[in-house]
């Protein structure tokens, strides 16, 4: 069974930065398109960034120019560098394959942007 373990969240002031990491348990991670998903309070979970096996990236409009997704296949890890954070970026961040694996949801990592 695939497992994804997220880390790196925390409390940050508006304008600050965080770097999230996601470690995958599968050796075939390198062929997956991977995504970072965000669930804001009271809202549905949404895909905010994705990266293909060929490192083509895609972002939701609200994070373009501020977030950068990357991957290290040798470490089975995907990252999300988040800069110029805004209060609207607050939520629990998850990684999963894109499209998501039903069994791939981990605990997520909480990001809170507040002064």
Protein backbone atom coordinates (compact mmCIF):
# COMPACT_ATOMS: atom_id res chain seq x y z
CA UNK A 1 0.00 0.00 0.00
CA UNK A 2 1.25 3.42 -0.96
CA UNK A 3 2.00 5.83 1.87
CA UNK A 4 2.80 9.52 1.65
CA UNK A 5 4.13 11.33 4.73
CA UNK A 6 4.01 15.10 4.76
CA UNK A 7 6.11 17.44 6.91
CA UNK A 8 7.28 21.03 7.15
CA UNK A 9 4.13 22.91 8.05
CA UNK A 10 3.83 25.50 10.80
CA UNK A 11 2.76 28.98 11.78
CA UNK A 12 4.13 31.79 9.65
CA UNK A 13 3.41 35.49 9.28
CA UNK A 14 1.97 36.89 6.05
CA UNK A 15 4.76 37.32 3.52
CA UNK A 16 6.77 34.48 5.03
CA UNK A 17 7.95 31.21 3.51
CA UNK A 18 7.71 27.50 4.24
CA UNK A 19 9.02 24.40 2.51
CA UNK A 20 6.90 21.28 2.66
CA UNK A 21 8.24 17.78 2.07
CA UNK A 22 6.47 14.55 1.17
CA UNK A 23 8.12 11.15 1.37
CA UNK A 24 6.63 8.30 -0.63
CA UNK A 25 6.87 4.62 0.27
CA UNK A 26 6.84 3.27 -3.27
CA UNK A 27 9.77 2.67 -5.57
CA UNK A 28 7.63 3.46 -8.60
CA UNK A 29 7.16 6.99 -7.28
CA UNK A 30 9.28 8.24 -10.17
CA UNK A 31 6.58 7.44 -12.74
CA UNK A 32 3.78 9.17 -10.85
CA UNK A 33 2.51 12.63 -11.47
CA UNK A 34 2.53 14.00 -7.93
CA UNK A 35 0.41 16.74 -6.47
CA UNK A 36 0.11 18.94 -3.43
CA UNK A 37 -3.44 19.41 -2.24
CA UNK A 38 -4.81 21.95 0.23
CA UNK A 39 -7.90 21.79 2.41
CA UNK A 40 -8.76 25.18 3.83
CA UNK A 41 -11.14 25.44 6.81
CA UNK A 42 -14.71 24.82 5.67
CA UNK A 43 -13.69 24.15 2.07
CA UNK A 44 -13.15 21.12 -0.12
CA UNK A 45 -9.68 19.81 -0.76
CA UNK A 46 -8.16 21.25 -3.93
CA UNK A 47 -5.10 20.46 -6.01
CA UNK A 48 -2.75 23.47 -5.86
CA UNK A 49 0.36 22.17 -7.63
CA UNK A 50 1.40 19.14 -9.66
CA UNK A 51 4.58 17.81 -11.24
CA UNK A 52 4.86 15.09 -13.86
CA UNK A 53 7.54 12.43 -14.08
CA UNK A 54 9.18 14.67 -16.67
CA UNK A 55 9.08 17.60 -14.23
CA UNK A 56 6.42 19.57 -16.05
CA UNK A 57 4.63 21.65 -13.43
CA UNK A 58 1.17 23.13 -13.13
CA UNK A 59 -0.36 25.43 -10.51
CA UNK A 60 -3.75 26.74 -9.51
CA UNK A 61 -4.00 30.45 -10.33
CA UNK A 62 -4.06 31.53 -6.68
CA UNK A 63 -0.50 30.23 -6.05
CA UNK A 64 1.19 30.91 -9.40
CA UNK A 65 4.40 32.87 -8.98
CA UNK A 66 4.54 32.13 -5.23
CA UNK A 67 4.70 28.33 -4.93
CA UNK A 68 7.19 25.97 -6.56
CA UNK A 69 6.77 22.20 -6.69
CA UNK A 70 9.80 19.99 -7.24
CA UNK A 71 10.79 16.35 -6.85
CA UNK A 72 13.81 14.19 -6.05
CA UNK A 73 13.13 10.73 -7.44
CA UNK A 74 16.26 9.29 -5.84
CA UNK A 75 14.76 10.14 -2.45
CA UNK A 76 11.12 9.38 -3.38
CA UNK A 77 10.33 12.89 -2.20
CA UNK A 78 8.32 15.81 -3.51
CA UNK A 79 8.62 19.36 -2.19
CA UNK A 80 6.51 22.50 -2.14
CA UNK A 81 8.34 25.79 -1.65
CA UNK A 82 5.82 28.41 -0.57
CA UNK A 83 6.80 32.08 -0.64
CA UNK A 84 4.87 35.32 -0.05
CA UNK A 85 2.36 33.40 2.01
CA UNK A 86 -1.09 34.87 2.55
CA UNK A 87 -3.76 34.14 5.17
CA UNK A 88 -5.80 32.45 2.40
CA UNK A 89 -3.03 29.85 2.12
CA UNK A 90 -3.97 28.53 5.56
CA UNK A 91 -5.02 24.90 5.56
CA UNK A 92 -3.90 21.31 5.79
CA UNK A 93 -1.56 20.36 2.96
CA UNK A 94 -1.45 16.82 1.61
CA UNK A 95 0.53 15.13 -1.11
CA UNK A 96 -0.83 12.34 -3.27
CA UNK A 97 -0.62 11.12 -6.79
CA UNK A 98 -2.46 13.17 -9.41
CA UNK A 99 -5.11 11.85 -9.88
CA UNK A 100 -5.28 11.01 -6.21
CA UNK A 101 -5.09 7.49 -4.87
CA UNK A 102 -8.01 6.84 -2.54
CA UNK A 103 -5.70 5.06 -0.13
CA UNK A 104 -2.92 7.59 -0.52
CA UNK A 105 -4.15 10.28 1.87
CA UNK A 106 -1.87 10.79 4.83
CA UNK A 107 -2.22 12.98 7.89
CA UNK A 108 -1.20 16.11 6.06
CA UNK A 109 0.72 19.03 7.50
CA UNK A 110 -0.94 22.15 8.90
CA UNK A 111 0.03 25.54 7.49
CA UNK A 112 -1.25 28.60 9.31
CA UNK A 113 -0.56 32.07 7.96
CA UNK A 114 -1.39 34.67 10.54
CA UNK A 115 0.04 37.73 12.19
